[in-house]
N, C-alpha and C. Protein backbone atom coordinates (compact mmCIF):
# COMPACT_ATOMS: atom_id res chain seq x y z
N MET A 1 -7.55 -5.30 -29.19
CA MET A 1 -8.78 -5.28 -28.42
C MET A 1 -8.84 -6.48 -27.46
N LYS A 2 -8.40 -7.63 -27.95
CA LYS A 2 -8.41 -8.84 -27.13
C LYS A 2 -7.48 -8.68 -25.92
N THR A 3 -6.34 -8.05 -26.14
CA THR A 3 -5.39 -7.83 -25.05
C THR A 3 -5.96 -6.90 -24.00
N MET A 4 -6.64 -5.85 -24.43
CA MET A 4 -7.23 -4.90 -23.49
C MET A 4 -8.32 -5.56 -22.65
N LEU A 5 -9.17 -6.37 -23.24
CA LEU A 5 -10.21 -7.07 -22.50
C LEU A 5 -9.60 -8.07 -21.51
N LEU A 6 -8.54 -8.73 -21.91
CA LEU A 6 -7.85 -9.65 -21.02
C LEU A 6 -7.23 -8.90 -19.84
N ALA A 7 -6.69 -7.71 -20.11
CA ALA A 7 -6.12 -6.90 -19.03
C ALA A 7 -7.21 -6.43 -18.06
N PHE A 8 -8.37 -6.03 -18.57
CA PHE A 8 -9.48 -5.63 -17.70
C PHE A 8 -9.94 -6.80 -16.84
N ALA A 9 -10.02 -7.97 -17.44
CA ALA A 9 -10.42 -9.16 -16.68
C ALA A 9 -9.40 -9.47 -15.59
N ALA A 10 -8.12 -9.30 -15.88
CA ALA A 10 -7.08 -9.53 -14.88
C ALA A 10 -7.18 -8.53 -13.75
N ILE A 11 -7.48 -7.28 -14.05
CA ILE A 11 -7.64 -6.25 -13.01
C ILE A 11 -8.80 -6.61 -12.09
N VAL A 12 -9.91 -7.03 -12.66
CA VAL A 12 -11.07 -7.40 -11.86
C VAL A 12 -10.74 -8.60 -10.97
N LEU A 13 -10.08 -9.60 -11.54
CA LEU A 13 -9.71 -10.79 -10.77
C LEU A 13 -8.75 -10.45 -9.63
N ILE A 14 -7.76 -9.62 -9.90
CA ILE A 14 -6.80 -9.22 -8.86
C ILE A 14 -7.50 -8.43 -7.77
N THR A 15 -8.41 -7.54 -8.15
CA THR A 15 -9.13 -6.72 -7.17
C THR A 15 -9.98 -7.57 -6.25
N ILE A 16 -10.72 -8.50 -6.81
CA ILE A 16 -11.58 -9.37 -6.00
C ILE A 16 -10.74 -10.26 -5.09
N THR A 17 -9.67 -10.82 -5.62
CA THR A 17 -8.80 -11.68 -4.82
C THR A 17 -8.13 -10.91 -3.70
N ALA A 18 -7.64 -9.72 -3.98
CA ALA A 18 -6.98 -8.91 -2.95
C ALA A 18 -7.97 -8.50 -1.86
N ASN A 19 -9.17 -8.13 -2.25
CA ASN A 19 -10.19 -7.75 -1.28
C ASN A 19 -10.50 -8.92 -0.35
N PHE A 20 -10.71 -10.09 -0.92
CA PHE A 20 -11.01 -11.27 -0.11
C PHE A 20 -9.84 -11.62 0.81
N ALA A 21 -8.62 -11.56 0.28
CA ALA A 21 -7.43 -11.91 1.07
C ALA A 21 -7.23 -10.94 2.23
N LEU A 22 -7.41 -9.65 2.00
CA LEU A 22 -7.21 -8.67 3.06
C LEU A 22 -8.29 -8.76 4.13
N GLN A 23 -9.53 -9.04 3.73
CA GLN A 23 -10.60 -9.19 4.72
C GLN A 23 -10.37 -10.43 5.56
N THR A 24 -9.90 -11.50 4.95
CA THR A 24 -9.64 -12.75 5.67
C THR A 24 -8.46 -12.58 6.62
N ALA A 25 -7.46 -11.82 6.21
CA ALA A 25 -6.26 -11.64 7.03
C ALA A 25 -6.48 -10.64 8.16
N GLY A 26 -7.55 -9.87 8.13
CA GLY A 26 -7.85 -8.92 9.19
C GLY A 26 -7.15 -7.59 9.05
N PHE A 27 -6.96 -7.13 7.83
CA PHE A 27 -6.28 -5.86 7.62
C PHE A 27 -7.25 -4.70 7.37
N SER A 28 -8.49 -4.84 7.80
CA SER A 28 -9.42 -3.73 7.61
C SER A 28 -9.08 -2.60 8.58
N SER A 29 -9.47 -1.39 8.24
CA SER A 29 -9.15 -0.24 9.09
C SER A 29 -9.86 -0.35 10.44
N GLN A 30 -11.04 -0.94 10.47
CA GLN A 30 -11.76 -1.11 11.73
C GLN A 30 -11.01 -2.06 12.66
N GLU A 31 -10.51 -3.15 12.13
CA GLU A 31 -9.79 -4.10 12.97
C GLU A 31 -8.43 -3.56 13.40
N GLN A 32 -7.79 -2.76 12.57
CA GLN A 32 -6.49 -2.20 12.91
C GLN A 32 -6.61 -1.14 14.00
N ASN A 33 -7.69 -0.37 14.03
CA ASN A 33 -7.85 0.71 14.99
C ASN A 33 -8.65 0.31 16.22
N LEU A 34 -9.10 -0.93 16.28
CA LEU A 34 -9.89 -1.39 17.40
C LEU A 34 -8.98 -1.74 18.57
N GLY A 35 -9.27 -1.20 19.73
CA GLY A 35 -8.48 -1.48 20.93
C GLY A 35 -9.24 -1.09 22.17
N ALA A 36 -8.62 -1.24 23.30
CA ALA A 36 -9.27 -0.94 24.56
C ALA A 36 -9.59 0.54 24.70
N ALA A 37 -8.77 1.41 24.11
CA ALA A 37 -8.96 2.85 24.27
C ALA A 37 -9.90 3.44 23.20
N VAL A 38 -10.40 2.63 22.31
CA VAL A 38 -11.26 3.12 21.23
C VAL A 38 -12.69 2.71 21.52
N ARG A 39 -13.57 3.72 21.56
CA ARG A 39 -15.00 3.46 21.82
C ARG A 39 -15.76 3.74 20.54
N LEU A 40 -16.22 2.70 19.89
CA LEU A 40 -16.94 2.85 18.64
C LEU A 40 -18.45 2.90 18.82
N ASP A 41 -18.95 2.54 19.99
CA ASP A 41 -20.39 2.43 20.19
C ASP A 41 -21.04 3.71 20.71
N GLN A 42 -20.32 4.75 20.91
CA GLN A 42 -20.91 5.97 21.46
C GLN A 42 -21.06 7.04 20.42
């Protein structure tokens, strides 16, 4: 049981860290598809 809870905690920690790292690095789908030929405001 202790091992399973530790694994769940590791999954949560990895998920939060990866989310923060990818947002900081600019790998969101909006930033990847944003360009001169893309009109998002219409």
